Amino acid sequence: MDASTDTVFIRGLEIPTLIGVVEWERQVEQIVVINLELATDITPAAARDDLREALDYSVVLRRVKEFVGASTFQLVETLAERTAQMVLDEFSVRRLRLELVKPRPNSGGHTVGVIIERGAPAE
């Protein structure tokens, strides 16, 4: 990426959704946690101190919550991939890194998840 690429991040976004393969997972919403890093140029917004020039993370938050909350995918891989593609399609983001964590409360405290990076290759 060029020198004017910056990162806007969203961390710890907890969203209830249906996710999983086994029967009980298809019946009960579970919380997934999303962390996003969004490559964008913040220079115009910073220069003018103007939200209209910025990547409005409140809008990104709402859209990701809506998308993930309405999903019914079985695999965290599918949910991560589709969420990343939706963000790239709908927002002025050059590249993103998305971490999707599925806490496993009945498993002794470990979590599972995926980290993916999508978009224009880093320069």
N, C-alpha and C. Protein backbone atom coordinates (compact mmCIF):
# COMPACT_ATOMS: atom_id res chain seq x y z
N MET A 1 0.83 -1.18 0.00
CA MET A 1 0.00 0.00 0.00
C MET A 1 0.88 1.24 0.00
N ASP A 2 0.33 2.33 -0.52
CA ASP A 2 1.14 3.53 -0.58
C ASP A 2 1.23 4.20 0.80
N ALA A 3 2.00 5.25 0.87
CA ALA A 3 2.27 5.90 2.15
C ALA A 3 1.02 6.52 2.77
N SER A 4 -0.03 6.76 1.98
CA SER A 4 -1.23 7.38 2.51
C SER A 4 -2.29 6.37 2.94
N THR A 5 -1.90 5.13 3.13
CA THR A 5 -2.85 4.13 3.61
C THR A 5 -2.74 4.02 5.12
N ASP A 6 -3.85 4.17 5.76
CA ASP A 6 -3.92 4.12 7.21
C ASP A 6 -4.87 2.99 7.60
N THR A 7 -4.98 2.77 8.90
CA THR A 7 -5.84 1.69 9.37
C THR A 7 -6.85 2.22 10.38
N VAL A 8 -8.11 1.97 10.09
CA VAL A 8 -9.19 2.19 11.05
C VAL A 8 -9.51 0.81 11.61
N PHE A 9 -9.61 0.70 12.93
CA PHE A 9 -9.88 -0.62 13.48
C PHE A 9 -11.11 -0.63 14.36
N ILE A 10 -11.72 -1.79 14.40
CA ILE A 10 -12.88 -2.09 15.26
C ILE A 10 -12.51 -3.38 15.98
N ARG A 11 -12.56 -3.38 17.29
CA ARG A 11 -12.19 -4.57 18.04
C ARG A 11 -13.27 -4.94 19.05
N GLY A 12 -13.44 -6.23 19.23
CA GLY A 12 -14.34 -6.72 20.27
C GLY A 12 -15.81 -6.57 19.97
N LEU A 13 -16.18 -6.55 18.71
CA LEU A 13 -17.58 -6.43 18.32
C LEU A 13 -18.28 -7.78 18.54
N GLU A 14 -19.13 -7.85 19.55
CA GLU A 14 -19.83 -9.09 19.90
C GLU A 14 -21.19 -9.10 19.24
N ILE A 15 -21.46 -10.20 18.50
CA ILE A 15 -22.71 -10.29 17.74
C ILE A 15 -23.32 -11.67 17.93
N PRO A 16 -24.58 -11.75 18.35
CA PRO A 16 -25.25 -13.04 18.42
C PRO A 16 -25.68 -13.49 17.03
N THR A 17 -25.44 -14.78 16.74
CA THR A 17 -25.80 -15.32 15.43
C THR A 17 -25.92 -16.83 15.51
N LEU A 18 -26.57 -17.43 14.52
CA LEU A 18 -26.56 -18.89 14.39
C LEU A 18 -25.30 -19.27 13.64
N ILE A 19 -24.47 -20.10 14.25
CA ILE A 19 -23.23 -20.53 13.62
C ILE A 19 -22.87 -21.90 14.17
N GLY A 20 -22.53 -22.80 13.30
CA GLY A 20 -22.12 -24.13 13.76
C GLY A 20 -22.70 -25.23 12.92
N VAL A 21 -22.17 -26.41 13.15
CA VAL A 21 -22.53 -27.58 12.35
C VAL A 21 -23.43 -28.53 13.12
N VAL A 22 -23.16 -28.71 14.41
CA VAL A 22 -23.92 -29.71 15.18
C VAL A 22 -25.33 -29.20 15.48
N GLU A 23 -26.23 -30.12 15.74
CA GLU A 23 -27.65 -29.80 15.85
C GLU A 23 -27.95 -28.70 16.87
N TRP A 24 -27.37 -28.78 18.06
CA TRP A 24 -27.70 -27.77 19.08
C TRP A 24 -27.25 -26.38 18.64
N GLU A 25 -26.17 -26.30 17.85
CA GLU A 25 -25.70 -25.00 17.39
C GLU A 25 -26.66 -24.37 16.38
N ARG A 26 -27.45 -25.20 15.73
CA ARG A 26 -28.41 -24.69 14.75
C ARG A 26 -29.69 -24.19 15.42
N GLN A 27 -29.81 -24.43 16.73
CA GLN A 27 -31.01 -24.06 17.47
C GLN A 27 -30.83 -22.81 18.34
N VAL A 28 -29.59 -22.50 18.73
CA VAL A 28 -29.33 -21.46 19.72
C VAL A 28 -28.32 -20.46 19.17
N GLU A 29 -28.65 -19.18 19.25
CA GLU A 29 -27.67 -18.18 18.84
C GLU A 29 -26.46 -18.21 19.77
N GLN A 30 -25.30 -18.01 19.17
CA GLN A 30 -24.06 -17.92 19.92
C GLN A 30 -23.43 -16.56 19.62
N ILE A 31 -22.60 -16.11 20.53
CA ILE A 31 -21.88 -14.85 20.32
C ILE A 31 -20.62 -15.14 19.53
N VAL A 32 -20.39 -14.36 18.48
CA VAL A 32 -19.10 -14.34 17.81
C VAL A 32 -18.50 -12.96 18.05
N VAL A 33 -17.19 -12.91 18.04
CA VAL A 33 -16.48 -11.65 18.25
C VAL A 33 -15.72 -11.33 16.96
N ILE A 34 -15.92 -10.11 16.48
CA ILE A 34 -15.29 -9.66 15.24
C ILE A 34 -14.28 -8.56 15.57
N ASN A 35 -13.09 -8.70 15.01
CA ASN A 35 -12.08 -7.65 15.03
C ASN A 35 -11.76 -7.32 13.58
N LEU A 36 -11.78 -6.04 13.25
CA LEU A 36 -11.54 -5.60 11.88
C LEU A 36 -10.42 -4.56 11.84
N GLU A 37 -9.59 -4.66 10.84
CA GLU A 37 -8.63 -3.62 10.51
C GLU A 37 -8.91 -3.24 9.06
N LEU A 38 -9.20 -1.97 8.83
CA LEU A 38 -9.64 -1.49 7.53
C LEU A 38 -8.64 -0.50 6.97
N ALA A 39 -8.03 -0.82 5.85
CA ALA A 39 -7.04 0.05 5.22
C ALA A 39 -7.75 1.12 4.41
N THR A 40 -7.51 2.37 4.77
CA THR A 40 -8.12 3.50 4.10
C THR A 40 -7.23 4.71 4.27
N ASP A 41 -7.45 5.72 3.50
CA ASP A 41 -6.68 6.95 3.61
C ASP A 41 -7.44 7.92 4.50
N ILE A 42 -6.90 8.22 5.67
CA ILE A 42 -7.59 9.15 6.58
C ILE A 42 -7.18 10.61 6.36
N THR A 43 -6.26 10.86 5.43
CA THR A 43 -5.73 12.21 5.22
C THR A 43 -6.80 13.26 4.94
N PRO A 44 -7.74 13.01 4.01
CA PRO A 44 -8.76 14.04 3.74
C PRO A 44 -9.62 14.36 4.97
N ALA A 45 -10.04 13.36 5.69
CA ALA A 45 -10.87 13.59 6.87
C ALA A 45 -10.09 14.34 7.95
N ALA A 46 -8.84 13.94 8.15
CA ALA A 46 -8.01 14.59 9.17
C ALA A 46 -7.73 16.05 8.80
N ALA A 47 -7.48 16.32 7.53
CA ALA A 47 -7.16 17.67 7.09
C ALA A 47 -8.34 18.63 7.29
N ARG A 48 -9.55 18.11 7.06
CA ARG A 48 -10.74 18.96 7.14
C ARG A 48 -11.54 18.76 8.44
N ASP A 49 -11.14 17.77 9.24
CA ASP A 49 -11.87 17.43 10.46
C ASP A 49 -13.36 17.23 10.15
N ASP A 50 -13.60 16.43 9.10
CA ASP A 50 -14.95 16.30 8.54
C ASP A 50 -15.32 14.83 8.40
N LEU A 51 -16.35 14.42 9.10
CA LEU A 51 -16.81 13.03 9.06
C LEU A 51 -17.20 12.59 7.65
N ARG A 52 -17.69 13.53 6.83
CA ARG A 52 -18.08 13.18 5.46
C ARG A 52 -16.90 12.69 4.63
N GLU A 53 -15.69 13.02 5.06
CA GLU A 53 -14.48 12.60 4.36
C GLU A 53 -13.90 11.31 4.94
N ALA A 54 -14.49 10.81 6.01
CA ALA A 54 -13.94 9.67 6.75
C ALA A 54 -14.67 8.38 6.44
N LEU A 55 -14.02 7.29 6.75
CA LEU A 55 -14.70 6.00 6.79
C LEU A 55 -15.45 5.99 8.12
N ASP A 56 -16.75 6.10 8.06
CA ASP A 56 -17.58 6.21 9.27
C ASP A 56 -17.71 4.84 9.91
N TYR A 57 -16.90 4.61 10.93
CA TYR A 57 -16.90 3.28 11.54
C TYR A 57 -18.22 2.94 12.22
N SER A 58 -19.03 3.94 12.59
CA SER A 58 -20.33 3.62 13.17
C SER A 58 -21.24 2.97 12.13
N VAL A 59 -21.12 3.40 10.87
CA VAL A 59 -21.90 2.80 9.79
C VAL A 59 -21.38 1.39 9.51
N VAL A 60 -20.06 1.22 9.51
CA VAL A 60 -19.48 -0.11 9.31
C VAL A 60 -19.95 -1.04 10.43
N LEU A 61 -19.89 -0.57 11.67
CA LEU A 61 -20.35 -1.38 12.82
C LEU A 61 -21.79 -1.85 12.63
N ARG A 62 -22.67 -0.91 12.31
CA ARG A 62 -24.09 -1.27 12.13
C ARG A 62 -24.27 -2.30 11.04
N ARG A 63 -23.58 -2.12 9.92
CA ARG A 63 -23.74 -3.05 8.79
C ARG A 63 -23.19 -4.43 9.10
N VAL A 64 -22.05 -4.49 9.77
CA VAL A 64 -21.48 -5.79 10.14
C VAL A 64 -22.40 -6.49 11.14
N LYS A 65 -22.91 -5.76 12.13
CA LYS A 65 -23.86 -6.36 13.09
C LYS A 65 -25.09 -6.91 12.37
N GLU A 66 -25.62 -6.14 11.45
CA GLU A 66 -26.80 -6.56 10.70
C GLU A 66 -26.51 -7.82 9.88
N PHE A 67 -25.40 -7.81 9.16
CA PHE A 67 -25.04 -8.92 8.28
C PHE A 67 -24.78 -10.20 9.08
N VAL A 68 -23.93 -10.10 10.08
CA VAL A 68 -23.57 -11.28 10.88
C VAL A 68 -24.77 -11.77 11.68
N GLY A 69 -25.54 -10.86 12.24
CA GLY A 69 -26.70 -11.24 13.04
C GLY A 69 -27.76 -11.98 12.24
N ALA A 70 -27.86 -11.69 10.96
CA ALA A 70 -28.85 -12.33 10.11
C ALA A 70 -28.34 -13.61 9.45
N SER A 71 -27.06 -13.90 9.58
CA SER A 71 -26.49 -15.06 8.89
C SER A 71 -26.86 -16.37 9.58
N THR A 72 -26.78 -17.43 8.81
CA THR A 72 -27.05 -18.77 9.34
C THR A 72 -26.02 -19.78 8.82
N PHE A 73 -24.81 -19.31 8.56
CA PHE A 73 -23.77 -20.19 8.02
C PHE A 73 -23.37 -21.24 9.05
N GLN A 74 -22.88 -22.34 8.57
CA GLN A 74 -22.40 -23.40 9.45
C GLN A 74 -20.95 -23.15 9.88
N LEU A 75 -20.13 -22.67 8.96
CA LEU A 75 -18.69 -22.57 9.21
C LEU A 75 -18.27 -21.13 9.52
N VAL A 76 -17.36 -20.98 10.48
CA VAL A 76 -16.80 -19.66 10.76
C VAL A 76 -16.03 -19.15 9.54
N GLU A 77 -15.46 -20.07 8.78
CA GLU A 77 -14.73 -19.69 7.57
C GLU A 77 -15.65 -18.99 6.57
N THR A 78 -16.84 -19.53 6.39
CA THR A 78 -17.80 -18.95 5.45
C THR A 78 -18.28 -17.59 5.96
N LEU A 79 -18.60 -17.51 7.23
CA LEU A 79 -19.06 -16.25 7.80
C LEU A 79 -17.98 -15.17 7.69
N ALA A 80 -16.73 -15.52 7.96
CA ALA A 80 -15.64 -14.56 7.84
C ALA A 80 -15.46 -14.10 6.40
N GLU A 81 -15.45 -15.04 5.48
CA GLU A 81 -15.26 -14.71 4.06
C GLU A 81 -16.38 -13.81 3.55
N ARG A 82 -17.62 -14.14 3.83
CA ARG A 82 -18.75 -13.36 3.33
C ARG A 82 -18.81 -11.98 3.99
N THR A 83 -18.47 -11.91 5.27
CA THR A 83 -18.45 -10.61 5.95
C THR A 83 -17.37 -9.72 5.36
N ALA A 84 -16.19 -10.28 5.13
CA ALA A 84 -15.10 -9.50 4.52
C ALA A 84 -15.50 -8.99 3.15
N GLN A 85 -16.12 -9.84 2.35
CA GLN A 85 -16.51 -9.43 1.00
C GLN A 85 -17.57 -8.34 1.05
N MET A 86 -18.51 -8.45 1.98
CA MET A 86 -19.54 -7.42 2.12
C MET A 86 -18.89 -6.07 2.46
N VAL A 87 -17.95 -6.06 3.39
CA VAL A 87 -17.28 -4.81 3.77
C VAL A 87 -16.53 -4.23 2.57
N LEU A 88 -15.79 -5.06 1.85
CA LEU A 88 -15.06 -4.58 0.68
C LEU A 88 -16.00 -4.03 -0.40
N ASP A 89 -17.15 -4.68 -0.58
CA ASP A 89 -18.11 -4.27 -1.60
C ASP A 89 -18.83 -2.96 -1.24
N GLU A 90 -19.09 -2.75 0.04
CA GLU A 90 -19.95 -1.65 0.45
C GLU A 90 -19.24 -0.41 0.99
N PHE A 91 -17.96 -0.53 1.29
CA PHE A 91 -17.24 0.59 1.90
C PHE A 91 -15.95 0.87 1.14
N SER A 92 -15.46 2.08 1.27
CA SER A 92 -14.23 2.47 0.57
C SER A 92 -13.01 2.00 1.37
N VAL A 93 -12.81 0.69 1.31
CA VAL A 93 -11.72 0.04 2.02
C VAL A 93 -10.86 -0.67 0.99
N ARG A 94 -9.58 -0.41 1.04
CA ARG A 94 -8.66 -1.03 0.07
C ARG A 94 -8.34 -2.47 0.43
N ARG A 95 -8.21 -2.68 1.73
CA ARG A 95 -7.79 -3.99 2.23
C ARG A 95 -8.34 -4.12 3.64
N LEU A 96 -8.56 -5.35 4.04
CA LEU A 96 -9.00 -5.55 5.42
C LEU A 96 -8.39 -6.82 6.00
N ARG A 97 -8.32 -6.81 7.30
CA ARG A 97 -7.95 -7.99 8.08
C ARG A 97 -9.12 -8.22 9.03
N LEU A 98 -9.68 -9.40 8.97
CA LEU A 98 -10.84 -9.73 9.78
C LEU A 98 -10.52 -10.94 10.63
N GLU A 99 -10.75 -10.81 11.92
CA GLU A 99 -10.61 -11.92 12.85
C GLU A 99 -12.00 -12.23 13.38
N LEU A 100 -12.42 -13.48 13.24
CA LEU A 100 -13.71 -13.92 13.74
C LEU A 100 -13.45 -14.98 14.80
N VAL A 101 -13.88 -14.71 16.01
CA VAL A 101 -13.65 -15.60 17.14
C VAL A 101 -14.98 -16.18 17.59
N LYS A 102 -14.99 -17.47 17.78
CA LYS A 102 -16.18 -18.16 18.30
C LYS A 102 -15.81 -18.72 19.67
N PRO A 103 -16.17 -18.01 20.74
CA PRO A 103 -15.88 -18.52 22.08
C PRO A 103 -16.58 -19.86 22.31
N ARG A 104 -15.94 -20.72 23.05
CA ARG A 104 -16.50 -22.04 23.35
C ARG A 104 -16.68 -22.15 24.87
N PRO A 105 -17.80 -21.64 25.40
CA PRO A 105 -17.96 -21.56 26.85
C PRO A 105 -17.99 -22.92 27.56
N ASN A 106 -18.37 -23.97 26.90
CA ASN A 106 -18.45 -25.29 27.53
C ASN A 106 -17.23 -26.15 27.25
N SER A 107 -16.15 -25.52 26.82
CA SER A 107 -14.99 -26.30 26.39
C SER A 107 -13.76 -26.10 27.25
N GLY A 108 -13.92 -25.54 28.43
CA GLY A 108 -12.76 -25.27 29.26
C GLY A 108 -12.13 -23.93 28.95
N GLY A 109 -12.83 -23.07 28.23
CA GLY A 109 -12.38 -21.71 28.04
C GLY A 109 -11.65 -21.41 26.75
N HIS A 110 -11.38 -22.40 25.90
CA HIS A 110 -10.68 -22.06 24.67
C HIS A 110 -11.64 -21.48 23.64
N THR A 111 -11.07 -20.77 22.69
CA THR A 111 -11.84 -20.20 21.60
C THR A 111 -11.31 -20.74 20.28
N VAL A 112 -12.12 -20.62 19.26
CA VAL A 112 -11.72 -20.99 17.91
C VAL A 112 -12.05 -19.82 16.99
N GLY A 113 -11.47 -19.82 15.82
CA GLY A 113 -11.79 -18.76 14.89
C GLY A 113 -10.86 -18.77 13.70
N VAL A 114 -11.00 -17.73 12.90
CA VAL A 114 -10.16 -17.56 11.72
C VAL A 114 -9.73 -16.11 11.60
N ILE A 115 -8.61 -15.92 10.94
CA ILE A 115 -8.14 -14.58 10.58
C ILE A 115 -7.92 -14.60 9.07
N ILE A 116 -8.53 -13.65 8.38
CA ILE A 116 -8.35 -13.56 6.94
C ILE A 116 -7.97 -12.13 6.56
N GLU A 117 -7.26 -12.02 5.46
CA GLU A 117 -6.93 -10.72 4.88
C GLU A 117 -7.39 -10.74 3.44
N ARG A 118 -8.09 -9.67 3.06
CA ARG A 118 -8.65 -9.59 1.71
C ARG A 118 -8.46 -8.18 1.17
N GLY A 119 -8.48 -8.07 -0.15
CA GLY A 119 -8.40 -6.77 -0.79
C GLY A 119 -7.14 -6.65 -1.61
N ALA A 120 -6.81 -5.42 -1.97
CA ALA A 120 -5.63 -5.16 -2.79
C ALA A 120 -4.38 -5.61 -2.06
N PRO A 121 -3.43 -6.20 -2.78
CA PRO A 121 -2.20 -6.64 -2.11
C PRO A 121 -1.42 -5.48 -1.53
N ALA A 122 -0.79 -5.72 -0.40
CA ALA A 122 0.04 -4.70 0.24
C ALA A 122 1.25 -4.43 -0.63
N GLU A 123 1.62 -3.17 -0.71
CA GLU A 123 2.80 -2.83 -1.54
C GLU A 123 4.03 -2.70 -0.67
